[in-house]
Protein backbone atom coordinates (compact mmCIF):
# COMPACT_ATOMS: atom_id res chain seq x y z
CA MET A 1 118.56 123.23 93.73
CA LYS A 2 120.07 120.12 92.74
CA TYR A 3 121.34 118.07 95.60
CA SER A 4 124.73 115.65 95.22
CA ILE A 5 127.97 115.59 96.69
CA PHE A 6 129.03 119.02 95.38
CA SER A 7 125.93 120.82 96.39
CA LEU A 8 126.54 119.17 100.16
CA ALA A 9 129.94 120.35 100.20
CA ARG A 10 129.13 123.77 99.29
CA ALA A 11 127.00 124.17 101.89
CA ALA A 12 129.28 122.45 104.56
CA PHE A 13 131.89 125.01 103.63
CA SER A 14 129.20 127.79 104.00
CA GLY A 15 127.97 126.65 107.60
CA HIS A 16 124.71 125.61 105.97
CA LYS A 17 123.64 129.31 105.26
CA THR A 18 123.10 128.76 101.27
CA TRP A 19 120.61 125.91 101.39
CA GLN A 20 117.18 127.17 99.24
CA ARG A 21 113.72 125.72 100.04
CA THR A 22 113.15 122.58 98.84
CA TRP A 23 109.92 123.71 96.87
CA ARG A 24 108.40 127.21 96.08
CA ASP A 25 105.29 128.14 98.40
CA ALA A 26 102.97 129.25 94.91
CA SER A 27 99.80 131.69 95.40
CA PRO A 28 96.95 130.81 93.54
CA LYS A 29 96.37 131.48 89.87
CA ASP A 30 93.70 132.37 88.19
CA HIS A 31 93.66 129.29 86.13
CA TYR A 32 95.50 125.88 85.37
CA ASP A 33 95.40 123.10 82.75
CA VAL A 34 94.81 120.43 85.57
CA VAL A 35 94.23 121.18 89.35
CA ILE A 36 94.80 118.11 92.06
CA ILE A 37 92.98 118.42 95.43
CA GLY A 38 95.19 116.70 97.86
CA GLY A 39 98.76 117.46 98.55
CA GLY A 40 99.86 113.95 99.66
CA GLY A 41 102.06 111.66 98.26
CA HIS A 42 99.69 110.71 95.41
CA GLY A 43 98.63 114.15 94.68
CA LEU A 44 102.09 115.20 94.39
CA ALA A 45 103.14 112.35 92.48
CA THR A 46 100.40 112.82 90.22
CA ALA A 47 101.78 116.35 89.64
CA TRP A 48 105.15 115.41 88.89
CA PHE A 49 104.63 112.37 86.34
CA LEU A 50 102.41 115.14 84.40
CA ALA A 51 104.96 117.26 84.32
CA SER A 52 107.75 114.91 84.01
CA GLU A 53 106.13 112.19 81.47
CA TYR A 54 103.42 114.10 79.63
CA GLY A 55 104.53 117.75 79.16
CA ILE A 56 102.11 119.39 81.34
CA ARG A 57 103.48 121.80 83.84
CA ASN A 58 100.77 124.42 84.23
CA VAL A 59 99.71 122.14 87.21
CA ALA A 60 98.46 123.39 90.37
CA VAL A 61 98.48 121.24 93.76
CA LEU A 62 95.82 122.27 96.32
CA GLU A 63 96.62 120.97 100.23
CA LYS A 64 94.13 122.48 103.11
CA GLY A 65 97.05 122.40 105.74
CA TRP A 66 100.76 121.66 104.91
CA ILE A 67 101.70 119.02 102.22
CA GLY A 68 102.13 115.51 103.94
CA SER A 69 99.78 116.57 106.73
CA GLY A 70 97.24 113.83 106.14
CA ASN A 71 97.53 109.95 105.41
CA ALA A 72 101.10 110.63 103.63
CA GLY A 73 102.67 111.18 106.68
CA ARG A 74 100.33 109.16 109.23
CA ASN A 75 101.38 105.35 108.18
CA THR A 76 103.75 102.88 108.55
CA THR A 77 106.13 103.34 105.56
CA ILE A 78 105.82 99.44 104.03
CA ILE A 79 106.60 99.26 100.53
CA ARG A 80 105.95 95.85 98.77
CA SER A 81 104.41 94.17 95.41
CA ASN A 82 103.52 90.32 97.04
CA TYR A 83 99.69 90.53 95.32
CA GLY A 84 98.49 87.74 93.65
CA LEU A 85 95.43 89.14 91.66
CA PRO A 86 94.95 90.55 88.33
CA GLY A 87 94.67 93.84 88.22
CA ASN A 88 96.91 94.28 91.84
CA THR A 89 99.60 92.34 90.87
CA GLY A 90 101.06 94.53 87.58
CA PHE A 91 100.27 97.49 89.49
CA TYR A 92 101.83 97.44 92.43
CA GLU A 93 104.76 95.67 90.78
CA LEU A 94 104.88 98.87 88.96
CA SER A 95 105.08 100.70 91.83
CA MET A 96 107.62 98.64 92.89
CA LYS A 97 110.17 99.17 90.34
CA LEU A 98 109.17 103.03 90.35
CA TRP A 99 110.28 102.89 94.12
CA GLU A 100 113.73 101.29 93.08
CA ARG A 101 114.64 104.25 90.91
CA MET A 102 112.46 107.10 92.61
CA GLU A 103 115.52 108.74 94.25
CA GLN A 104 117.27 109.17 91.20
CA ASP A 105 114.42 110.58 89.41
CA LEU A 106 113.56 112.99 92.23
CA ASN A 107 117.16 113.94 92.87
CA TYR A 108 115.88 113.39 96.69
CA ASN A 109 116.87 110.88 99.39
CA THR A 110 113.68 109.22 99.96
CA MET A 111 115.42 106.63 102.14
CA VAL A 112 114.00 103.79 100.28
CA SER A 113 115.12 100.60 102.35
CA GLN A 114 114.63 97.12 100.56
CA ARG A 115 115.13 95.06 103.35
CA GLY A 116 112.72 92.03 102.60
CA VAL A 117 108.87 91.72 103.45
CA ILE A 118 107.72 88.60 105.17
CA ASN A 119 104.08 86.97 105.69
CA LEU A 120 104.32 84.34 108.26
CA TYR A 121 102.46 81.62 108.10
CA HIS A 122 100.82 79.11 111.00
CA SER A 123 98.58 76.33 109.14
CA ASP A 124 99.23 74.27 106.37
CA ALA A 125 96.10 75.62 104.43
CA GLN A 126 97.64 78.95 105.26
CA ARG A 127 101.13 77.65 103.77
CA ASP A 128 99.05 76.69 100.56
CA ALA A 129 97.44 80.02 99.83
CA TYR A 130 100.81 81.92 100.33
CA ALA A 131 102.58 79.01 97.65
CA ARG A 132 99.47 80.10 95.21
CA ARG A 133 100.55 83.95 95.86
CA GLY A 134 104.25 83.38 95.70
CA ASN A 135 103.60 81.05 92.21
CA THR A 136 101.53 84.03 91.21
CA MET A 137 103.97 86.52 91.58
CA ARG A 138 106.86 84.73 90.31
CA ILE A 139 104.58 83.87 86.99
CA ASN A 140 104.79 87.48 86.60
CA GLY A 141 108.55 88.18 87.34
CA ILE A 142 107.88 89.24 90.71
CA ASP A 143 110.36 87.61 93.43
CA ALA A 144 108.77 85.79 96.03
CA GLU A 145 110.55 82.91 97.99
CA LEU A 146 108.77 80.34 100.28
CA LEU A 147 110.47 79.74 103.61
CA ASP A 148 110.04 76.66 105.92
CA LEU A 149 110.24 76.91 109.58
CA ALA A 150 114.13 76.25 109.58
CA ALA A 151 114.99 79.71 107.36
CA VAL A 152 112.08 81.49 109.18
CA LYS A 153 113.91 80.66 112.63
CA LYS A 154 117.77 81.21 111.35
CA MET A 155 116.20 84.65 109.95
CA MET A 156 114.41 85.68 113.27
CA PRO A 157 115.37 83.50 116.12
CA PHE A 158 113.51 85.64 118.72
CA LEU A 159 110.04 84.94 117.60
CA ASN A 160 108.27 82.55 119.63
CA PHE A 161 107.78 79.65 117.57
CA ASP A 162 106.55 77.40 120.35
CA ASN A 163 103.39 78.93 120.67
CA ALA A 164 100.48 76.46 120.83
CA ARG A 165 98.08 78.14 119.80
CA PHE A 166 99.85 80.40 116.61
CA PRO A 167 103.12 78.16 115.60
CA VAL A 168 104.98 79.81 113.21
CA GLN A 169 105.38 77.29 110.24
CA GLY A 170 106.97 79.19 107.71
CA GLY A 171 106.83 82.85 105.46
CA LEU A 172 106.26 84.32 102.57
CA LEU A 173 109.62 86.68 101.48
CA GLN A 174 109.51 89.35 99.11
CA ARG A 175 113.44 90.43 99.44
CA ARG A 176 112.66 93.58 97.34
CA GLY A 177 109.67 95.02 99.74
CA GLY A 178 110.76 97.15 102.43
CA THR A 179 109.92 100.51 104.11
CA ALA A 180 110.77 104.41 102.77
CA ARG A 181 110.69 107.39 104.42
CA HIS A 182 107.04 109.05 104.08
CA ASP A 183 107.60 112.45 104.59
CA ALA A 184 110.71 112.55 102.68
CA VAL A 185 108.88 110.84 100.11
CA VAL A 186 106.19 113.84 99.91
CA TRP A 187 109.12 116.51 100.05
CA GLY A 188 110.92 114.71 97.15
CA TYR A 189 108.29 114.74 94.68
CA ALA A 190 107.28 118.28 95.72
CA HIS A 191 111.09 119.39 95.31
CA ALA A 192 110.63 117.60 92.02
CA ALA A 193 107.33 118.73 90.59
CA SER A 194 108.32 122.58 91.77
CA ALA A 195 111.31 122.39 90.00
CA LEU A 196 109.06 121.70 86.74
CA GLY A 197 106.51 124.52 87.38
CA VAL A 198 104.09 122.81 88.92
CA ASP A 199 102.31 125.35 91.89
CA ILE A 200 102.05 123.84 95.53
CA ILE A 201 99.72 125.56 97.08
CA GLN A 202 99.07 124.85 101.27
CA ASN A 203 96.51 125.83 103.28
CA CYS A 204 93.77 126.29 100.18
CA GLU A 205 90.93 124.17 101.22
CA VAL A 206 88.44 123.11 98.66
CA THR A 207 84.76 124.00 99.36
CA GLY A 208 82.89 123.69 96.04
CA PHE A 209 83.42 122.90 92.08
CA SER A 210 82.56 125.73 89.69
CA ARG A 211 80.41 124.04 86.73
CA ASP A 212 79.17 125.32 83.20
CA ALA A 213 75.32 125.04 81.64
CA ASN A 214 76.25 121.68 80.99
CA GLY A 215 77.49 120.38 84.32
CA LYS A 216 80.92 120.20 83.27
CA VAL A 217 83.52 121.45 86.75
CA THR A 218 85.40 124.35 85.53
CA GLY A 219 87.34 124.55 88.40
CA VAL A 220 87.27 125.17 92.18
CA GLU A 221 86.28 127.04 94.81
CA THR A 222 88.57 127.55 97.76
CA SER A 223 89.25 129.91 100.47
CA ARG A 224 91.41 131.33 98.68
CA GLY A 225 89.05 132.24 95.77
CA THR A 226 88.12 130.41 92.94
CA ILE A 227 90.13 128.88 90.38
CA GLY A 228 89.91 127.52 86.55
CA ALA A 229 90.74 124.67 85.93
CA GLY A 230 90.79 122.57 82.32
CA LYS A 231 90.38 119.52 84.68
CA VAL A 232 90.28 118.49 88.12
CA GLY A 233 91.68 115.14 89.71
CA MET A 234 90.59 114.18 93.66
CA ALA A 235 93.40 112.55 95.48
CA VAL A 236 92.05 113.39 99.04
CA ALA A 237 92.29 109.69 100.52
CA GLY A 238 89.77 109.54 103.83
CA SER A 239 88.02 112.60 102.60
CA SER A 240 86.94 111.29 99.12
CA SER A 241 83.06 111.31 100.22
CA ARG A 242 83.35 114.58 101.39
CA VAL A 243 84.94 116.10 98.42
CA ALA A 244 82.99 114.41 96.07
CA ALA A 245 79.62 115.01 97.97
CA MET A 246 80.25 118.68 96.56
CA ALA A 247 79.95 117.60 93.18
CA GLY A 248 76.54 115.38 93.79
CA LEU A 249 78.88 112.16 93.84
CA ARG A 250 78.13 109.19 96.44
CA LEU A 251 80.90 106.70 96.12
CA PRO A 252 81.33 103.25 97.32
CA ILE A 253 83.92 104.08 99.79
CA GLU A 254 83.83 104.44 103.54
CA SER A 255 86.26 106.11 105.94
CA HIS A 256 87.60 104.69 108.48
CA VAL A 257 90.49 105.33 111.29
CA LEU A 258 93.84 103.12 110.99
CA GLN A 259 96.02 103.40 114.08
CA ALA A 260 99.76 103.41 113.94
CA PHE A 261 102.28 103.19 117.07
CA VAL A 262 105.77 103.77 117.65
CA SER A 263 107.75 102.40 120.17
CA GLU A 264 110.76 103.95 122.39
CA ALA A 265 114.13 103.10 120.69
CA ILE A 266 115.65 99.68 121.28
CA LYS A 267 118.52 98.15 119.61
CA PRO A 268 118.51 96.57 116.34
CA LEU A 269 115.93 93.40 116.44
CA LEU A 270 114.10 93.29 113.22
CA PRO A 271 115.89 92.52 110.12
CA ASN A 272 113.05 92.91 107.90
CA VAL A 273 109.02 93.95 107.52
CA MET A 274 106.93 91.37 109.19
CA THR A 275 103.53 90.61 109.23
CA PHE A 276 101.32 87.92 111.79
CA GLY A 277 99.20 85.67 109.85
CA ALA A 278 97.27 84.66 112.54
CA GLY A 279 95.84 88.06 113.37
CA HIS A 280 96.31 91.68 112.00
CA PHE A 281 99.82 92.54 112.59
CA TYR A 282 102.61 94.44 110.99
CA VAL A 283 105.88 95.78 112.42
CA SER A 284 109.41 97.27 111.15
CA GLN A 285 112.04 98.72 112.93
CA SER A 286 112.87 102.58 112.29
CA ASP A 287 116.33 103.53 111.43
CA LYS A 288 116.10 105.74 115.38
CA GLY A 289 115.10 102.00 116.78
CA GLY A 290 111.56 102.74 117.50
CA LEU A 291 109.28 99.62 116.44
CA VAL A 292 106.76 101.20 113.94
CA PHE A 293 103.87 99.10 114.04
CA GLY A 294 99.82 98.47 113.20
CA GLY A 295 97.39 96.62 112.44
CA ASP A 296 93.07 96.62 112.18
CA ILE A 297 91.01 99.36 110.92
CA ASP A 298 88.61 100.94 113.84
CA GLY A 299 85.23 99.44 113.08
CA TYR A 300 83.32 102.45 112.82
CA ASN A 301 82.92 105.28 110.29
CA SER A 302 85.09 108.67 111.46
CA TYR A 303 86.82 111.61 109.97
CA ALA A 304 88.77 112.20 113.04
CA GLN A 305 92.64 111.26 113.06
CA ARG A 306 92.83 109.20 116.25
CA GLY A 307 91.88 105.92 117.08
CA ASN A 308 90.26 104.01 119.96
CA MET A 309 91.56 101.91 122.92
CA PRO A 310 90.50 98.30 121.90
CA VAL A 311 91.96 98.21 118.74
CA MET A 312 95.09 99.48 120.44
CA GLU A 313 94.95 96.39 122.63
CA ASP A 314 94.18 93.72 119.74
CA VAL A 315 97.02 95.69 117.78
CA CYS A 316 99.35 95.05 120.76
CA GLU A 317 98.18 91.58 121.85
CA GLY A 318 99.02 90.40 118.52
CA GLY A 319 102.70 91.61 118.69
CA MET A 320 102.88 90.12 121.80
CA ALA A 321 101.50 86.77 120.52
CA LEU A 322 104.74 86.60 118.35
CA MET A 323 107.03 88.26 120.28
CA PRO A 324 106.36 88.07 124.10
CA MET A 325 109.67 90.21 124.87
CA ILE A 326 108.37 93.46 123.37
CA GLY A 327 105.75 93.91 126.23
CA ARG A 328 108.80 95.41 128.16
CA VAL A 329 109.00 97.96 125.51
CA ARG A 330 107.30 101.33 126.15
CA LEU A 331 104.73 103.14 123.67
CA LEU A 332 106.21 106.21 122.46
CA ARG A 333 103.24 107.59 120.45
CA GLN A 334 100.33 106.83 118.56
CA TRP A 335 98.12 108.40 115.85
CA GLY A 336 95.39 107.65 113.19
CA GLY A 337 94.93 107.96 109.45
CA ILE A 338 91.65 108.42 107.63
CA MET A 339 91.44 105.73 105.20
CA ASP A 340 89.10 105.44 102.12
CA MET A 341 88.03 102.15 102.42
CA SER A 342 86.67 100.60 99.10
CA MET A 343 84.07 97.66 99.33
CA ASP A 344 86.34 95.08 97.53
CA GLY A 345 89.76 96.64 99.09
CA SER A 346 90.99 97.54 95.99
CA PRO A 347 91.40 101.48 94.85
CA ILE A 348 89.30 103.60 92.49
CA ILE A 349 91.05 104.99 89.15
CA ASP A 350 88.76 106.70 86.75
CA LYS A 351 87.03 109.85 85.37
CA THR A 352 83.57 110.19 87.57
CA PRO A 353 80.11 110.88 86.02
CA VAL A 354 80.34 114.30 86.45
CA ASP A 355 82.59 115.65 83.24
CA GLY A 356 85.89 117.02 83.95
CA LEU A 357 86.20 115.71 87.31
CA TYR A 358 88.59 112.46 88.06
CA LEU A 359 88.74 109.90 90.77
CA ASN A 360 91.76 108.64 92.67
CA ALA A 361 90.81 107.14 95.82
CA GLY A 362 89.62 103.89 97.86
CA TRP A 363 93.23 102.75 98.62
CA CYS A 364 92.41 101.13 102.13
CA TYR A 365 95.53 99.58 103.73
CA GLY A 366 97.64 100.17 100.67
CA GLY A 367 98.21 103.75 99.89
CA PHE A 368 101.80 104.35 100.60
CA LYS A 369 103.09 101.60 98.66
CA ALA A 370 101.09 102.75 95.84
CA THR A 371 102.25 106.05 95.49
CA PRO A 372 104.39 105.97 92.55
CA GLY A 373 102.16 103.81 90.85
CA SER A 374 99.28 105.61 91.57
CA GLY A 375 100.91 109.18 90.57
CA LEU A 376 102.30 107.61 87.14
CA VAL A 377 98.70 105.97 86.45
CA PHE A 378 96.15 108.82 87.59
CA ALA A 379 98.72 111.48 85.37
CA HIS A 380 98.10 108.98 82.43
CA LEU A 381 94.61 109.29 83.25
CA LEU A 382 94.59 113.16 83.65
CA ALA A 383 96.43 113.92 80.29
CA ARG A 384 95.14 111.17 77.80
CA ASP A 385 91.38 110.40 79.05
CA GLU A 386 91.99 106.78 78.96
CA LEU A 387 93.05 104.26 81.76
CA HIS A 388 96.56 102.99 82.05
CA THR A 389 97.07 99.30 81.16
CA GLU A 390 97.88 98.74 84.71
CA ALA A 391 95.05 100.14 85.82
CA ALA A 392 92.44 99.41 83.70
CA ARG A 393 90.67 97.16 86.39
CA PHE A 394 90.59 100.15 88.87
CA ARG A 395 87.27 101.43 87.24
CA LEU A 396 84.34 102.94 89.37
CA ASP A 397 82.04 100.69 87.63
CA ARG A 398 83.09 97.87 88.54
CA PHE A 399 81.16 96.95 91.83
CA ARG A 400 78.04 97.31 89.52
CA ARG A 401 79.45 94.97 86.80
CA GLY A 402 80.46 92.60 89.52
CA ALA A 403 84.39 92.89 88.54
CA VAL A 404 85.36 93.69 92.06
CA ILE A 405 89.25 92.84 93.13
CA ASP A 406 88.37 91.30 96.35
CA GLU A 407 92.48 90.52 97.63
CA LYS A 408 91.88 89.84 100.78
CA GLY A 409 88.91 90.75 101.92
CA VAL A 410 90.63 94.32 103.30
CA GLY A 411 87.35 96.48 102.48
CA ALA A 412 85.06 98.21 105.01
CA GLN A 413 83.36 95.17 105.72
CA THR A 414 85.76 92.42 105.67
CA ASN A 415 83.17 90.42 107.96
CA LEU A 416 80.64 90.17 105.06
CA HIS A 417 83.34 89.18 102.03
């Protein structure tokens, strides 16, 4: 159904008994033009762009659980485009522009809140690095402001500015950054894709690939039978290595747990998204009042959706260094997502060496903010068999060529960068 003030009024007068399902819970057909493995934000966004931008509507999205049960529902909901290296700069700005029109495109309230993202700096050297990044952003038409200490104090007077070890000196602000509701993004793409004829098939785990005599992928083996496909796209985040191994591929990716946390609700405190420059800590405040925050990945390979106490302690220490008063706030819940950590901290969007199989992976910490941009460029690759101009540097062979995009050394082994 189409959502509007009129549909809301009609449903209200009926006692809210006339609402229809947001998307169709489809059963698999024998064959599709494109099968996308992974019913998270990236997979569903790809399906919607295939149908809406490229006219390919005989598409299936396969999810082994329920849509959004993976990383799409296990993140800290931050959106931003404050990147400084060629490849990342244009791509994440493309994604930001898509965030800004998402609710109109999908006819769904994804609760995009452009409250701003500020990266705090704590030394002269860090200020200079942020200035370079901010200048790069502005050269590329992206908003950026370098704030001094007085401006940060006016914006966030509650910070511990007198911390002798980590003195706050200023910050790099992107006002267009902010947050979005992760569940609503998944539901919105499912709603819009389903309306265009895409089949969203839940509880359908891929167990292998069908291939012809020449080795080309012709479909997938699933827990609900064999499904034929003209092309198969993988968008399975932390499970990328396991799914690729079914096709005989070994990817330059490691899977690590990234924890996220939510505190009990408190009165409005944070006006924006804030990151700690002297440690790995980022935080925002949800509409319900809880502090939503996270930090580093756990330092070992894992496919478990849970984390470790030492990392939890490290993340909370970062928060306490900035805002000692939150030490009295109780932690409400914690969860973990499985990160597909590439070796340079940047994504991979490319055809694989296996004919008919396409890869969308390696998003590291940045998967959620990339959701709409990832969907568009991956749909372009699947539809045209060529890389989108904003994804041209995300090729799989860049590691062999030495063309890495090492934005901040946030790959799986940051100590080696």
